[in-house]
């Protein structure tokens, strides 16, 4: 059973109880604190969180809809294992959305948006210098989220995030990647330069090159961590 110390106090969060439980469990899964294949027992979760079964069941059902847990009736609920075909599909969807988004942003960007992206990129550089891989990972995510937000379409960032949950989880396994953060910073500079120049085609190409490398780096995980992947 997962260690309660891996989960924050749900009373420190805002919102309905079911939402808070869902958020805590989702974050633990996405951060790999709850590893693929981990059994999640409702009774134990209720005891650890100090809640009744109903909101826990609600949270687990939502996580099942997200594809983050597998619920087998009369058996067990487990954190879902990875599937290379699903990761490839998520990568395809993520690239399709972000390439379209960066092209739109390049044409319509404002000075304020450029400033926010530039500040984020400077922070990335500092985190690379400090070898803060977790900090870089979070700032990298923010860089991409900013671009999605700058499209002006509220649903785009939400959809992109929901479509790439497994990718985000798998990326935690390849941290730290020797030399990769510095390479990513260079690629982010290319994306930002294209946005500054309002060159939509260059922005699309730079984003596609940047995102297109991820699956090649994830594939070896199936050999290195076979216990995290579904058997065919």
Foldseek 3Di string as FASTA:
>chain_A
DQDLVLFDQLVVDDDDPLVSLLVRVLVCLLLCSAAFFHWDDQVVVCVSNVHDSVSVVVSLVVCVVLVQWDDDPPPTITGHFDDLVLQVVLLVVLLVLLLVLLLLLLQVPDPVLLVVLVVLLVVLVVCVVVVVQVVNLVSVVVNSLSSQVSSVDVCSSVVNCSSNSVVSSLVSVCPPPVPVSVVLSVLSVQLSVSSVVSPSVSNSVSSCVNSVCSSVSSVCVCVVPVVRHDDD
